[in-house]
PDB file of N, CA and C in Angstrom:
ATOM      1  N   UNK A   1       1.564  66.419  79.377  1.00  0.00           N
ATOM      2  CA  UNK A   1       0.632  65.741  80.259  1.00  0.00           C
ATOM      3  C   UNK A   1      -0.760  65.782  79.647  1.00  0.00           C
ATOM      4  N   UNK A   2      -1.478  64.701  79.864  1.00  0.00           N
ATOM      5  CA  UNK A   2      -2.864  64.606  79.419  1.00  0.00           C
ATOM      6  C   UNK A   2      -3.771  64.586  80.640  1.00  0.00           C
ATOM      7  N   UNK A   3      -4.892  65.264  80.532  1.00  0.00           N
ATOM      8  CA  UNK A   3      -5.903  65.207  81.591  1.00  0.00           C
ATOM      9  C   UNK A   3      -6.784  64.000  81.342  1.00  0.00           C
ATOM     10  N   UNK A   4      -7.208  63.385  82.422  1.00  0.00           N
ATOM     11  CA  UNK A   4      -8.000  62.174  82.320  1.00  0.00           C
ATOM     12  C   UNK A   4      -9.053  62.165  83.413  1.00  0.00           C
ATOM     13  N   UNK A   5     -10.278  61.899  83.008  1.00  0.00           N
ATOM     14  CA  UNK A   5     -11.338  61.723  83.995  1.00  0.00           C
ATOM     15  C   UNK A   5     -11.408  60.233  84.289  1.00  0.00           C
ATOM     16  N   UNK A   6     -11.431  59.883  85.563  1.00  0.00           N
ATOM     17  CA  UNK A   6     -11.323  58.485  85.950  1.00  0.00           C
ATOM     18  C   UNK A   6     -12.356  58.158  87.016  1.00  0.00           C
ATOM     19  N   UNK A   7     -13.059  57.052  86.803  1.00  0.00           N
ATOM     20  CA  UNK A   7     -14.001  56.580  87.819  1.00  0.00           C
ATOM     21  C   UNK A   7     -13.409  55.336  88.458  1.00  0.00           C
ATOM     22  N   UNK A   8     -13.281  55.371  89.781  1.00  0.00           N
ATOM     23  CA  UNK A   8     -12.744  54.237  90.534  1.00  0.00           C
ATOM     24  C   UNK A   8     -13.830  53.647  91.412  1.00  0.00           C
ATOM     25  N   UNK A   9     -13.742  52.358  91.630  1.00  0.00           N
ATOM     26  CA  UNK A   9     -14.617  51.739  92.614  1.00  0.00           C
ATOM     27  C   UNK A   9     -14.261  52.337  93.971  1.00  0.00           C
ATOM     28  N   UNK A  10     -15.258  52.464  94.810  1.00  0.00           N
ATOM     29  CA  UNK A  10     -15.066  53.096  96.121  1.00  0.00           C
ATOM     30  C   UNK A  10     -13.944  52.432  96.909  1.00  0.00           C
ATOM     31  N   UNK A  11     -13.911  51.109  96.899  1.00  0.00           N
ATOM     32  CA  UNK A  11     -12.891  50.374  97.652  1.00  0.00           C
ATOM     33  C   UNK A  11     -11.489  50.678  97.131  1.00  0.00           C
ATOM     34  N   UNK A  12     -11.338  50.722  95.835  1.00  0.00           N
ATOM     35  CA  UNK A  12     -10.029  51.025  95.237  1.00  0.00           C
ATOM     36  C   UNK A  12      -9.618  52.448  95.585  1.00  0.00           C
ATOM     37  N   UNK A  13     -10.554  53.367  95.515  1.00  0.00           N
ATOM     38  CA  UNK A  13     -10.262  54.761  95.863  1.00  0.00           C
ATOM     39  C   UNK A  13      -9.800  54.879  97.312  1.00  0.00           C
ATOM     40  N   UNK A  14     -10.522  54.230  98.223  1.00  0.00           N
ATOM     41  CA  UNK A  14     -10.164  54.304  99.641  1.00  0.00           C
ATOM     42  C   UNK A  14      -8.785  53.697  99.901  1.00  0.00           C
ATOM     43  N   UNK A  15      -8.514  52.554  99.285  1.00  0.00           N
ATOM     44  CA  UNK A  15      -7.188  51.926  99.431  1.00  0.00           C
ATOM     45  C   UNK A  15      -6.098  52.855  98.918  1.00  0.00           C
ATOM     46  N   UNK A  16      -6.351  53.458  97.770  1.00  0.00           N
ATOM     47  CA  UNK A  16      -5.380  54.374  97.174  1.00  0.00           C
ATOM     48  C   UNK A  16      -5.117  55.555  98.092  1.00  0.00           C
ATOM     49  N   UNK A  17      -6.170  56.122  98.622  1.00  0.00           N
ATOM     50  CA  UNK A  17      -6.011  57.263  99.529  1.00  0.00           C
ATOM     51  C   UNK A  17      -5.179  56.906 100.756  1.00  0.00           C
ATOM     52  N   UNK A  18      -5.406  55.728 101.309  1.00  0.00           N
ATOM     53  CA  UNK A  18      -4.621  55.299 102.473  1.00  0.00           C
ATOM     54  C   UNK A  18      -3.145  55.166 102.119  1.00  0.00           C
ATOM     55  N   UNK A  19      -2.867  54.587 100.961  1.00  0.00           N
ATOM     56  CA  UNK A  19      -1.471  54.365 100.553  1.00  0.00           C
ATOM     57  C   UNK A  19      -0.769  55.690 100.286  1.00  0.00           C
ATOM     58  N   UNK A  20      -1.403  56.579  99.521  1.00  0.00           N
ATOM     59  CA  UNK A  20      -0.724  57.838  99.190  1.00  0.00           C
ATOM     60  C   UNK A  20      -0.477  58.691 100.437  1.00  0.00           C
ATOM     61  N   UNK A  21      -1.368  58.602 101.413  1.00  0.00           N
ATOM     62  CA  UNK A  21      -1.145  59.341 102.661  1.00  0.00           C
ATOM     63  C   UNK A  21       0.059  58.788 103.412  1.00  0.00           C
ATOM     64  N   UNK A  22       0.171  57.459 103.441  1.00  0.00           N
ATOM     65  CA  UNK A  22       1.309  56.840 104.129  1.00  0.00           C
ATOM     66  C   UNK A  22       2.622  57.111 103.397  1.00  0.00           C
ATOM     67  N   UNK A  23       2.570  57.093 102.068  1.00  0.00           N
ATOM     68  CA  UNK A  23       3.782  57.329 101.281  1.00  0.00           C
ATOM     69  C   UNK A  23       4.107  58.814 101.143  1.00  0.00           C
ATOM     70  N   UNK A  24       3.118  59.641 101.463  1.00  0.00           N
ATOM     71  CA  UNK A  24       3.263  61.101 101.345  1.00  0.00           C
ATOM     72  C   UNK A  24       3.647  61.508  99.924  1.00  0.00           C
ATOM     73  N   UNK A  25       2.898  60.962  98.975  1.00  0.00           N
ATOM     74  CA  UNK A  25       3.074  61.347  97.572  1.00  0.00           C
ATOM     75  C   UNK A  25       1.712  61.732  96.999  1.00  0.00           C
ATOM     76  N   UNK A  26       1.705  62.559  95.962  1.00  0.00           N
ATOM     77  CA  UNK A  26       0.425  62.934  95.353  1.00  0.00           C
ATOM     78  C   UNK A  26      -0.267  61.722  94.706  1.00  0.00           C
ATOM     79  N   UNK A  27      -1.571  61.725  94.777  1.00  0.00           N
ATOM     80  CA  UNK A  27      -2.371  60.652  94.183  1.00  0.00           C
ATOM     81  C   UNK A  27      -2.031  60.496  92.697  1.00  0.00           C
ATOM     82  N   UNK A  28      -1.880  61.599  92.006  1.00  0.00           N
ATOM     83  CA  UNK A  28      -1.573  61.577  90.575  1.00  0.00           C
ATOM     84  C   UNK A  28      -0.257  60.836  90.307  1.00  0.00           C
ATOM     85  N   UNK A  29       0.763  61.104  91.106  1.00  0.00           N
ATOM     86  CA  UNK A  29       2.061  60.436  90.932  1.00  0.00           C
ATOM     87  C   UNK A  29       1.928  58.940  91.190  1.00  0.00           C
ATOM     88  N   UNK A  30       1.161  58.606  92.204  1.00  0.00           N
ATOM     89  CA  UNK A  30       0.950  57.193  92.547  1.00  0.00           C
ATOM     90  C   UNK A  30       0.249  56.458  91.408  1.00  0.00           C
ATOM     91  N   UNK A  31      -0.809  57.049  90.875  1.00  0.00           N
ATOM     92  CA  UNK A  31      -1.556  56.415  89.787  1.00  0.00           C
ATOM     93  C   UNK A  31      -0.696  56.315  88.537  1.00  0.00           C
ATOM     94  N   UNK A  32       0.104  57.337  88.247  1.00  0.00           N
ATOM     95  CA  UNK A  32       1.010  57.280  87.096  1.00  0.00           C
ATOM     96  C   UNK A  32       2.000  56.121  87.235  1.00  0.00           C
ATOM     97  N   UNK A  33       2.582  55.958  88.420  1.00  0.00           N
ATOM     98  CA  UNK A  33       3.529  54.863  88.649  1.00  0.00           C
ATOM     99  C   UNK A  33       2.840  53.511  88.523  1.00  0.00           C
ATOM    100  N   UNK A  34       1.619  53.420  89.038  1.00  0.00           N
ATOM    101  CA  UNK A  34       0.874  52.158  88.983  1.00  0.00           C
ATOM    102  C   UNK A  34       0.567  51.773  87.534  1.00  0.00           C
ATOM    103  N   UNK A  35       0.118  52.727  86.745  1.00  0.00           N
ATOM    104  CA  UNK A  35      -0.203  52.438  85.344  1.00  0.00           C
ATOM    105  C   UNK A  35       1.059  52.112  84.560  1.00  0.00           C
ATOM    106  N   UNK A  36       2.140  52.814  84.850  1.00  0.00           N
ATOM    107  CA  UNK A  36       3.412  52.522  84.177  1.00  0.00           C
ATOM    108  C   UNK A  36       3.851  51.088  84.461  1.00  0.00           C
ATOM    109  N   UNK A  37       3.759  50.682  85.713  1.00  0.00           N
ATOM    110  CA  UNK A  37       4.121  49.315  86.090  1.00  0.00           C
ATOM    111  C   UNK A  37       3.211  48.304  85.389  1.00  0.00           C
ATOM    112  N   UNK A  38       1.933  48.554  85.397  1.00  0.00           N
ATOM    113  CA  UNK A  38       0.947  47.677  84.764  1.00  0.00           C
ATOM    114  C   UNK A  38       1.246  47.529  83.268  1.00  0.00           C
ATOM    115  N   UNK A  39       1.561  48.639  82.612  1.00  0.00           N
ATOM    116  CA  UNK A  39       1.903  48.602  81.187  1.00  0.00           C
ATOM    117  C   UNK A  39       3.152  47.761  80.932  1.00  0.00           C
ATOM    118  N   UNK A  40       4.164  47.922  81.768  1.00  0.00           N
ATOM    119  CA  UNK A  40       5.400  47.155  81.598  1.00  0.00           C
ATOM    120  C   UNK A  40       5.147  45.660  81.758  1.00  0.00           C
ATOM    121  N   UNK A  41       4.338  45.287  82.730  1.00  0.00           N
ATOM    122  CA  UNK A  41       4.009  43.870  82.946  1.00  0.00           C
ATOM    123  C   UNK A  41       3.313  43.301  81.718  1.00  0.00           C
ATOM    124  N   UNK A  42       2.349  44.035  81.195  1.00  0.00           N
ATOM    125  CA  UNK A  42       1.607  43.528  80.044  1.00  0.00           C
ATOM    126  C   UNK A  42       2.446  43.512  78.767  1.00  0.00           C
ATOM    127  N   UNK A  43       3.306  44.500  78.589  1.00  0.00           N
ATOM    128  CA  UNK A  43       4.215  44.483  77.427  1.00  0.00           C
ATOM    129  C   UNK A  43       5.131  43.271  77.496  1.00  0.00           C
ATOM    130  N   UNK A  44       5.635  42.973  78.682  1.00  0.00           N
ATOM    131  CA  UNK A  44       6.507  41.820  78.876  1.00  0.00           C
ATOM    132  C   UNK A  44       5.758  40.525  78.558  1.00  0.00           C
ATOM    133  N   UNK A  45       4.515  40.418  79.021  1.00  0.00           N
ATOM    134  CA  UNK A  45       3.711  39.220  78.745  1.00  0.00           C
ATOM    135  C   UNK A  45       3.399  39.075  77.263  1.00  0.00           C
ATOM    136  N   UNK A  46       3.109  40.184  76.593  1.00  0.00           N
ATOM    137  CA  UNK A  46       2.847  40.135  75.156  1.00  0.00           C
ATOM    138  C   UNK A  46       4.102  39.706  74.393  1.00  0.00           C
ATOM    139  N   UNK A  47       5.264  40.219  74.802  1.00  0.00           N
ATOM    140  CA  UNK A  47       6.519  39.838  74.165  1.00  0.00           C
ATOM    141  C   UNK A  47       6.805  38.357  74.395  1.00  0.00           C
ATOM    142  N   UNK A  48       6.539  37.880  75.595  1.00  0.00           N
ATOM    143  CA  UNK A  48       6.742  36.466  75.913  1.00  0.00           C
ATOM    144  C   UNK A  48       5.892  35.586  75.004  1.00  0.00           C
ATOM    145  N   UNK A  49       4.628  35.957  74.815  1.00  0.00           N
ATOM    146  CA  UNK A  49       3.750  35.201  73.916  1.00  0.00           C
ATOM    147  C   UNK A  49       4.281  35.214  72.491  1.00  0.00           C
ATOM    148  N   UNK A  50       4.689  36.387  72.027  1.00  0.00           N
ATOM    149  CA  UNK A  50       5.184  36.532  70.659  1.00  0.00           C
ATOM    150  C   UNK A  50       6.433  35.682  70.452  1.00  0.00           C
ATOM    151  N   UNK A  51       7.362  35.756  71.400  1.00  0.00           N
ATOM    152  CA  UNK A  51       8.591  34.977  71.278  1.00  0.00           C
ATOM    153  C   UNK A  51       8.309  33.480  71.337  1.00  0.00           C
ATOM    154  N   UNK A  52       7.334  33.088  72.140  1.00  0.00           N
ATOM    155  CA  UNK A  52       6.948  31.683  72.227  1.00  0.00           C
ATOM    156  C   UNK A  52       6.412  31.178  70.892  1.00  0.00           C
ATOM    157  N   UNK A  53       5.549  31.962  70.267  1.00  0.00           N
ATOM    158  CA  UNK A  53       4.991  31.580  68.963  1.00  0.00           C
ATOM    159  C   UNK A  53       6.085  31.504  67.908  1.00  0.00           C
ATOM    160  N   UNK A  54       6.970  32.501  67.891  1.00  0.00           N
ATOM    161  CA  UNK A  54       8.043  32.526  66.897  1.00  0.00           C
ATOM    162  C   UNK A  54       9.022  31.386  67.123  1.00  0.00           C
ATOM    163  N   UNK A  55       9.258  31.053  68.376  1.00  0.00           N
ATOM    164  CA  UNK A  55      10.155  29.947  68.687  1.00  0.00           C
ATOM    165  C   UNK A  55       9.593  28.636  68.154  1.00  0.00           C
ATOM    166  N   UNK A  56       8.289  28.446  68.282  1.00  0.00           N
ATOM    167  CA  UNK A  56       7.657  27.236  67.754  1.00  0.00           C
ATOM    168  C   UNK A  56       7.772  27.168  66.227  1.00  0.00           C
ATOM    169  N   UNK A  57       7.716  28.328  65.585  1.00  0.00           N
ATOM    170  CA  UNK A  57       7.802  28.359  64.125  1.00  0.00           C
ATOM    171  C   UNK A  57       9.170  27.904  63.616  1.00  0.00           C
ATOM    172  N   UNK A  58      10.225  28.160  64.376  1.00  0.00           N
ATOM    173  CA  UNK A  58      11.581  27.818  63.921  1.00  0.00           C
ATOM    174  C   UNK A  58      12.169  26.609  64.635  1.00  0.00           C
ATOM    175  N   UNK A  59      11.386  25.981  65.512  1.00  0.00           N
ATOM    176  CA  UNK A  59      11.911  24.882  66.323  1.00  0.00           C
ATOM    177  C   UNK A  59      12.430  23.731  65.460  1.00  0.00           C
ATOM    178  N   UNK A  60      11.675  23.318  64.450  1.00  0.00           N
ATOM    179  CA  UNK A  60      12.110  22.204  63.605  1.00  0.00           C
ATOM    180  C   UNK A  60      13.413  22.530  62.887  1.00  0.00           C
ATOM    181  N   UNK A  61      13.511  23.739  62.340  1.00  0.00           N
ATOM    182  CA  UNK A  61      14.741  24.151  61.658  1.00  0.00           C
ATOM    183  C   UNK A  61      15.922  24.173  62.618  1.00  0.00           C
ATOM    184  N   UNK A  62      15.682  24.671  63.833  1.00  0.00           N
ATOM    185  CA  UNK A  62      16.752  24.738  64.823  1.00  0.00           C
ATOM    186  C   UNK A  62      17.263  23.339  65.182  1.00  0.00           C
ATOM    187  N   UNK A  63      16.356  22.397  65.332  1.00  0.00           N
ATOM    188  CA  UNK A  63      16.762  21.024  65.665  1.00  0.00           C
ATOM    189  C   UNK A  63      17.536  20.392  64.515  1.00  0.00           C
ATOM    190  N   UNK A  64      17.132  20.665  63.285  1.00  0.00           N
ATOM    191  CA  UNK A  64      17.840  20.133  62.123  1.00  0.00           C
ATOM    192  C   UNK A  64      19.265  20.688  62.062  1.00  0.00           C
ATOM    193  N   UNK A  65      19.420  21.958  62.297  1.00  0.00           N
ATOM    194  CA  UNK A  65      20.755  22.582  62.295  1.00  0.00           C
ATOM    195  C   UNK A  65      21.599  21.986  63.415  1.00  0.00           C
ATOM    196  N   UNK A  66      21.022  21.775  64.580  1.00  0.00           N
ATOM    197  CA  UNK A  66      21.745  21.173  65.698  1.00  0.00           C
ATOM    198  C   UNK A  66      22.234  19.773  65.328  1.00  0.00           C
ATOM    199  N   UNK A  67      21.386  18.982  64.685  1.00  0.00           N
ATOM    200  CA  UNK A  67      21.795  17.630  64.269  1.00  0.00           C
ATOM    201  C   UNK A  67      22.959  17.700  63.265  1.00  0.00           C
ATOM    202  N   UNK A  68      22.893  18.669  62.368  1.00  0.00           N
ATOM    203  CA  UNK A  68      23.981  18.827  61.388  1.00  0.00           C
ATOM    204  C   UNK A  68      25.288  19.182  62.087  1.00  0.00           C
ATOM    205  N   UNK A  69      25.232  20.056  63.074  1.00  0.00           N
ATOM    206  CA  UNK A  69      26.441  20.408  63.824  1.00  0.00           C
ATOM    207  C   UNK A  69      26.986  19.200  64.588  1.00  0.00           C
ATOM    208  N   UNK A  70      26.101  18.392  65.140  1.00  0.00           N
ATOM    209  CA  UNK A  70      26.542  17.201  65.864  1.00  0.00           C
ATOM    210  C   UNK A  70      27.249  16.245  64.937  1.00  0.00           C
ATOM    211  N   UNK A  71      26.821  16.100  63.695  1.00  0.00           N
ATOM    212  CA  UNK A  71      27.471  15.235  62.735  1.00  0.00           C
ATOM    213  C   UNK A  71      28.847  15.760  62.341  1.00  0.00           C
ATOM    214  N   UNK A  72      29.002  17.108  62.354  1.00  0.00           N
ATOM    215  CA  UNK A  72      30.287  17.702  61.996  1.00  0.00           C
ATOM    216  C   UNK A  72      31.342  17.375  63.043  1.00  0.00           C
ATOM    217  N   UNK A  73      30.930  17.247  64.303  1.00  0.00           N
ATOM    218  CA  UNK A  73      31.883  16.956  65.387  1.00  0.00           C
ATOM    219  C   UNK A  73      32.397  15.535  65.314  1.00  0.00           C
ATOM    220  N   UNK A  74      31.632  14.626  64.717  1.00  0.00           N
ATOM    221  CA  UNK A  74      32.014  13.213  64.650  1.00  0.00           C
ATOM    222  C   UNK A  74      33.081  12.986  63.649  1.00  0.00           C
TER     223      UNK A  74
END
């Protein structure tokens, strides 16, 4: 575990406190889960961008191969 000093906007802090009290979980656990979720969302978005760029790079080759396969069926 790493220690971290964190400054939150007052509104975010108050919202967080209300949620953790209702869920009856420690604030630290809640923040860890929130950051983990946030990281997963952003990793997924970065992968989506990367795959999109790579797909564009091979799109012409893929279409050419598809046309060749279509000619083989004839």
